[in-house]
Amino acid sequence: MDKIRNRVNDLGTRTDDMIEMLCPHSTQLSDQERRLQAQEVKLADLEDRSRLNNVCILRLPEGTKTNPVEQFLESWLTEILPELGNAVEMAVDRGHRTPGGKPKPGALLRMAIMRIPQYKDKMNILAEAQKNTVEYKGKINSFYSDYGVATQRRRTSFMEVKCKPRDKGLN
């Protein structure tokens, strides 16, 4: 019986020693988790800022580009949004499609992304595209701001709340 009692006491002592040893590690871990979350917020902010002047175009048919792509996008924007006229300098720094192979017929089209040098020009393009229906080769195109993955997830979580007033005709 004494042997069992000694072993139980020994196990209790060992457990207490392990708890004392792990306690500082758990506080360090929680500190590291807090720092990691702060870094993730900063990273999301940096990603959003780097995409600030990007415009995403949905349903732009594949194979609708010339070399260089920027020239096609500039001339196309001038053609489809003539109302902007001299208010916007139709300049495109970069233009490309999202990564991935060319989709099969009938599949969803890849998004095209273009970078506009001036933020106010980007906002004018988005506002004008929202007012008018933009069509190219029989496809209605949609223009959106480009956001990082974290921001897209946050915005998607609010979609239901955003749709309710719009469905009731409140804008």
Foldseek 3Di string as FASTA:
>chain_A
DVVVVVVVVVVVVVVVVVCVVCVVVVVVVVVVVVVVVVVVVVVQVVQFVVQLQKKKKFPPDPPQADPPRQVSQLVLLCVQQVVCPPVADSGWPDKDWPDDDADDPPDGGTIIMTGDPDNVNSVVSQVSCVVDFGDDPRDTMHMDRDGDPVVVVVVVVCVVVVVVCVVVVHD
